[in-house]
Protein backbone atom coordinates (compact mmCIF):
# COMPACT_ATOMS: atom_id res chain seq x y z
CA MET A 1 30.19 3.76 1.54
CA ALA A 2 28.19 1.95 4.23
CA LEU A 3 24.48 2.29 4.81
CA THR A 4 22.92 1.17 8.06
CA GLY A 5 19.27 0.62 8.95
CA TRP A 6 18.22 1.03 12.58
CA VAL A 7 15.45 -0.47 14.61
CA LEU A 8 14.78 1.84 17.56
CA SER A 9 13.05 1.22 20.85
CA ALA A 10 13.22 2.90 24.22
CA SER A 11 15.84 0.45 25.48
CA ALA A 12 17.85 -0.89 22.52
CA GLN A 13 19.26 -0.30 19.04
CA TYR A 14 19.84 -3.02 16.47
CA ALA A 15 21.86 -2.56 13.29
CA ILE A 16 21.09 -4.17 9.97
CA ASP A 17 24.44 -3.75 8.27
CA TRP A 18 23.91 -6.00 5.24
CA PHE A 19 22.07 -4.26 2.43
CA LYS A 20 21.63 -3.74 -1.28
CA VAL A 21 21.27 -0.25 -2.75
CA ALA A 22 17.89 -0.20 -4.47
CA GLY A 23 14.92 2.10 -4.97
CA GLY A 24 11.86 2.25 -2.75
CA GLY A 25 11.29 2.85 0.91
CA GLY A 26 8.74 3.04 3.64
CA THR A 27 7.99 2.20 7.26
CA SER A 28 6.93 -1.01 8.94
CA SER A 29 6.02 -1.46 12.60
CA GLY A 30 4.89 -4.12 15.01
CA GLY A 31 4.72 -4.17 18.80
CA ALA A 32 7.31 -1.79 20.22
CA TYR A 33 9.47 -1.75 17.05
CA THR A 34 9.47 0.41 13.93
CA LEU A 35 11.72 -0.05 10.89
CA SER A 36 12.09 2.69 8.28
CA GLY A 37 14.10 2.34 5.10
CA THR A 38 14.79 4.21 1.90
CA ILE A 39 17.73 3.30 -0.34
CA GLY A 40 19.07 0.57 1.97
CA GLN A 41 16.22 -1.83 1.20
CA ALA A 42 16.86 -5.44 2.13
CA GLU A 43 17.51 -7.96 -0.65
CA ALA A 44 14.49 -10.18 -1.35
CA GLY A 45 14.73 -13.09 1.06
CA VAL A 46 14.78 -13.85 4.78
CA MET A 47 17.40 -12.73 7.32
CA SER A 48 17.28 -13.75 10.97
CA GLY A 49 19.32 -13.65 14.14
CA GLY A 50 18.43 -14.20 17.78
CA ASN A 51 14.73 -13.54 18.29
CA PHE A 52 14.35 -11.38 15.16
CA THR A 53 13.52 -12.17 11.53
CA LEU A 54 13.39 -9.69 8.65
CA VAL A 55 11.64 -10.72 5.44
CA GLY A 56 13.03 -8.54 2.66
CA GLY A 57 11.31 -7.84 -0.60
CA PHE A 58 10.16 -5.08 -2.85
CA TRP A 59 7.92 -2.18 -1.87
CA GLY A 60 4.44 -2.02 -3.36
CA LEU A 61 1.87 0.71 -2.88
CA ILE A 62 -1.89 0.39 -2.79
CA ALA A 63 -3.57 3.78 -2.48
CA ALA A 64 -6.64 5.92 -3.16
CA VAL A 65 -6.43 8.89 -5.50
CA GLN A 66 -9.01 11.47 -4.43
CA VAL A 67 -10.99 13.15 -7.21
CA GLU A 68 -12.56 16.57 -6.60
CA GLY A 69 -16.29 16.23 -5.93
CA ALA A 70 -16.16 12.43 -5.59
CA PRO A 71 -17.08 10.54 -2.42
CA LEU A 72 -14.10 9.96 -0.12
CA LEU A 73 -12.36 6.73 -1.10
CA GLU A 74 -10.83 4.39 1.52
CA VAL A 75 -8.40 1.57 0.71
CA ARG A 76 -7.35 -1.06 3.24
CA GLN A 77 -5.67 -4.45 3.20
CA THR A 78 -6.92 -7.38 5.27
CA ASN A 79 -6.29 -11.13 5.10
CA GLY A 80 -4.69 -11.01 1.64
CA LEU A 81 -7.44 -8.81 0.21
CA VAL A 82 -7.70 -5.16 -0.79
CA VAL A 83 -11.01 -3.51 0.12
CA VAL A 84 -11.86 -0.22 -1.61
CA SER A 85 -14.92 1.53 -0.14
CA TRP A 86 -16.82 4.78 -0.31
CA ALA A 87 -19.98 6.29 1.17
CA GLN A 88 -23.41 6.40 -0.44
CA PRO A 89 -25.02 8.17 -2.19
CA ALA A 90 -22.61 7.82 -5.11
CA ALA A 91 -24.87 7.79 -8.15
CA GLY A 92 -22.94 7.83 -11.42
CA TRP A 93 -19.48 7.28 -9.90
CA LEU A 94 -17.46 4.34 -11.27
CA LEU A 95 -14.35 2.76 -9.75
CA GLN A 96 -11.14 2.75 -11.79
CA SER A 97 -7.60 1.45 -11.18
CA THR A 98 -4.10 1.88 -12.62
CA THR A 99 -0.64 0.54 -11.78
CA ALA A 100 1.20 3.84 -12.35
CA LEU A 101 0.60 7.56 -11.87
CA LEU A 102 2.25 9.26 -14.83
CA PRO A 103 2.88 12.94 -15.62
CA GLY A 104 0.37 14.03 -18.23
CA GLY A 105 -2.12 11.28 -17.36
CA SER A 106 -2.38 7.61 -16.54
CA ALA A 107 -4.16 4.72 -18.23
CA TRP A 108 -7.12 4.05 -15.91
CA THR A 109 -9.12 0.82 -16.25
CA GLU A 110 -12.77 0.75 -15.20
CA ILE A 111 -13.81 -1.84 -12.61
CA PRO A 112 -17.45 -2.29 -13.66
CA PRO A 113 -20.37 -2.55 -11.26
CA PRO A 114 -22.11 -4.16 -9.56
CA TYR A 115 -20.16 -3.33 -6.41
CA GLN A 116 -20.82 -4.72 -2.95
CA THR A 117 -22.97 -2.74 -0.53
CA ASN A 118 -24.02 -3.05 3.08
CA GLY A 119 -27.43 -1.79 2.00
CA VAL A 120 -27.26 1.49 3.85
CA ALA A 121 -24.12 3.58 4.06
CA ASN A 122 -21.19 2.08 2.12
CA ILE A 123 -20.26 0.68 -1.27
CA SER A 124 -17.15 -1.50 -1.64
CA TYR A 125 -15.04 -3.52 -4.06
CA THR A 126 -12.80 -6.39 -2.91
CA GLU A 127 -10.00 -8.16 -4.77
CA PRO A 128 -6.90 -10.20 -3.87
CA THR A 129 -3.90 -8.04 -2.91
CA PRO A 130 -2.12 -7.30 -6.20
CA LEU A 131 1.62 -7.54 -6.76
CA GLY A 132 3.28 -4.17 -7.21
CA ASN A 133 1.52 -0.82 -7.22
CA ARG A 134 -2.23 -0.30 -7.59
CA PHE A 135 -4.06 3.03 -7.41
CA TYR A 136 -7.86 3.45 -7.26
CA ARG A 137 -10.11 6.43 -8.01
CA LEU A 138 -13.78 7.20 -8.56
CA HIS A 139 -14.65 8.64 -11.98
CA LYS A 140 -17.91 10.18 -13.18
CA PRO A 141 -18.21 9.86 -16.98
């Protein structure tokens, strides 16, 4: 059985025909190129040829979990940091995180205030980008 990953553009196709069958998947893009993968994830390491380099590794997910009635939560990565932010007013809402979303409930850990604020419209929390998965939610005790 052979699995092939494809990088597609308007004028060319490139095959990545070395692979390891593993879990995970997602999409990465830059410039005119987009690479999508599922079970043909590259082995951790660096592969290169010609003008192209592919750094393989393991998929991690950093995401917001929306809670009914809570302010809308936004999560973004920038310069090796994760920034979690939400709009004011948000009286009584506390930020929590977990590394797994489990059927029947997850173990959420509170990230205690004080949080950062721009003084007017937004509240935020910043931390270094974690390894693996991290999910954030607002909780009102």
